[in-house]
C-alpha atoms as a PDB file:
ATOM      1  CA  MET A   1      32.512  30.953 -15.468  1.00  0.00           C
ATOM      2  CA  LEU A   2      32.477  34.319 -17.150  1.00  0.00           C
ATOM      3  CA  LEU A   3      36.254  34.341 -17.569  1.00  0.00           C
ATOM      4  CA  TRP A   4      36.113  31.522 -20.128  1.00  0.00           C
ATOM      5  CA  SER A   5      34.207  33.748 -22.552  1.00  0.00           C
ATOM      6  CA  ALA A   6      37.301  35.969 -22.818  1.00  0.00           C
ATOM      7  CA  ASN A   7      38.789  34.181 -25.815  1.00  0.00           C
ATOM      8  CA  ARG A   8      41.931  36.268 -26.212  1.00  0.00           C
ATOM      9  CA  VAL A   9      43.111  35.611 -22.660  1.00  0.00           C
ATOM     10  CA  PRO A  10      45.555  32.659 -22.642  1.00  0.00           C
ATOM     11  CA  VAL A  11      44.369  29.476 -20.955  1.00  0.00           C
ATOM     12  CA  VAL A  12      47.334  29.575 -18.572  1.00  0.00           C
ATOM     13  CA  VAL A  13      46.251  33.004 -17.302  1.00  0.00           C
ATOM     14  CA  LYS A  14      42.673  31.753 -16.877  1.00  0.00           C
ATOM     15  CA  LEU A  15      43.886  28.771 -14.864  1.00  0.00           C
ATOM     16  CA  VAL A  16      46.115  30.926 -12.670  1.00  0.00           C
ATOM     17  CA  ILE A  17      43.200  33.246 -11.950  1.00  0.00           C
ATOM     18  CA  LEU A  18      40.994  30.266 -11.127  1.00  0.00           C
ATOM     19  CA  VAL A  19      43.587  28.785  -8.735  1.00  0.00           C
ATOM     20  CA  ILE A  20      44.048  32.126  -6.976  1.00  0.00           C
ATOM     21  CA  MET A  21      40.269  32.488  -6.587  1.00  0.00           C
ATOM     22  CA  GLU A  22      39.988  29.011  -5.105  1.00  0.00           C
ATOM     23  CA  CYS A  23      42.896  29.542  -2.699  1.00  0.00           C
ATOM     24  CA  CYS A  24      41.357  32.779  -1.439  1.00  0.00           C
ATOM     25  CA  TRP A  25      37.895  31.228  -1.203  1.00  0.00           C
ATOM     26  CA  ASN A  26      39.187  28.315   0.881  1.00  0.00           C
ATOM     27  CA  VAL A  27      40.763  30.486   3.590  1.00  0.00           C
ATOM     28  CA  TYR A  28      38.825  30.136   6.836  1.00  0.00           C
ATOM     29  CA  PRO A  29      38.401  32.417   8.652  1.00  0.00           C
ATOM     30  CA  SER A  30      38.873  34.988   5.936  1.00  0.00           C
ATOM     31  CA  THR A  31      41.649  37.483   6.385  1.00  0.00           C
ATOM     32  CA  PRO A  32      41.980  40.994   4.991  1.00  0.00           C
ATOM     33  CA  THR A  33      44.706  39.699   2.664  1.00  0.00           C
ATOM     34  CA  SER A  34      42.650  36.831   1.252  1.00  0.00           C
ATOM     35  CA  SER A  35      39.622  39.082   0.817  1.00  0.00           C
ATOM     36  CA  GLY A  36      41.688  41.762  -0.904  1.00  0.00           C
ATOM     37  CA  ILE A  37      43.264  39.293  -3.294  1.00  0.00           C
ATOM     38  CA  PHE A  38      39.845  37.785  -4.002  1.00  0.00           C
ATOM     39  CA  VAL A  39      38.407  41.198  -4.907  1.00  0.00           C
ATOM     40  CA  ALA A  40      41.493  42.102  -6.958  1.00  0.00           C
ATOM     41  CA  VAL A  41      41.241  38.911  -9.016  1.00  0.00           C
ATOM     42  CA  HIS A  42      37.595  39.624  -9.719  1.00  0.00           C
ATOM     43  CA  LEU A  43      38.491  43.171 -10.791  1.00  0.00           C
ATOM     44  CA  VAL A  44      41.124  41.767 -13.178  1.00  0.00           C
ATOM     45  CA  THR A  45      38.482  39.442 -14.632  1.00  0.00           C
ATOM     46  CA  LEU A  46      36.102  42.370 -15.053  1.00  0.00           C
ATOM     47  CA  ALA A  47      38.863  44.437 -16.667  1.00  0.00           C
ATOM     48  CA  PHE A  48      39.495  41.661 -19.231  1.00  0.00           C
ATOM     49  CA  LEU A  49      35.816  41.634 -20.115  1.00  0.00           C
ATOM     50  CA  CYS A  50      35.444  45.423 -20.257  1.00  0.00           C
ATOM     51  CA  ALA A  51      38.589  45.815 -22.357  1.00  0.00           C
ATOM     52  CA  GLY A  52      36.966  43.866 -25.166  1.00  0.00           C
ATOM     53  CA  TYR A  53      38.599  40.500 -24.705  1.00  0.00           C
ATOM     54  CA  VAL A  54      35.262  38.808 -25.417  1.00  0.00           C
ATOM     55  CA  ASP A  55      34.986  37.523 -28.971  1.00  0.00           C
ATOM     56  CA  LYS A  56      32.216  39.155 -31.019  1.00  0.00           C
ATOM     57  CA  GLN A  57      30.794  35.731 -31.916  1.00  0.00           C
ATOM     58  CA  VAL A  58      30.156  34.967 -28.257  1.00  0.00           C
ATOM     59  CA  SER A  59      28.241  38.238 -27.887  1.00  0.00           C
ATOM     60  CA  LYS A  60      26.165  37.504 -31.004  1.00  0.00           C
ATOM     61  CA  LYS A  61      25.248  34.014 -29.785  1.00  0.00           C
ATOM     62  CA  LYS A  62      23.978  35.362 -26.475  1.00  0.00           C
ATOM     63  CA  SER A  63      21.873  38.101 -28.087  1.00  0.00           C
ATOM     64  CA  SER A  64      20.020  35.755 -30.450  1.00  0.00           C
END
């Protein structure tokens, strides 16, 4: 999961995000609320990654 490469994000926050994703994913049939929360959680994950929360060593390992 891409979120785990964000080293400066606390593990508790990562777990909360993961639980929210799973709860939204398991809603059948999907509702506008569950879909909105699912997209919002993914946007938060993307914001963590774009804001530079990825350690430079992780980026170097992937490029070599």
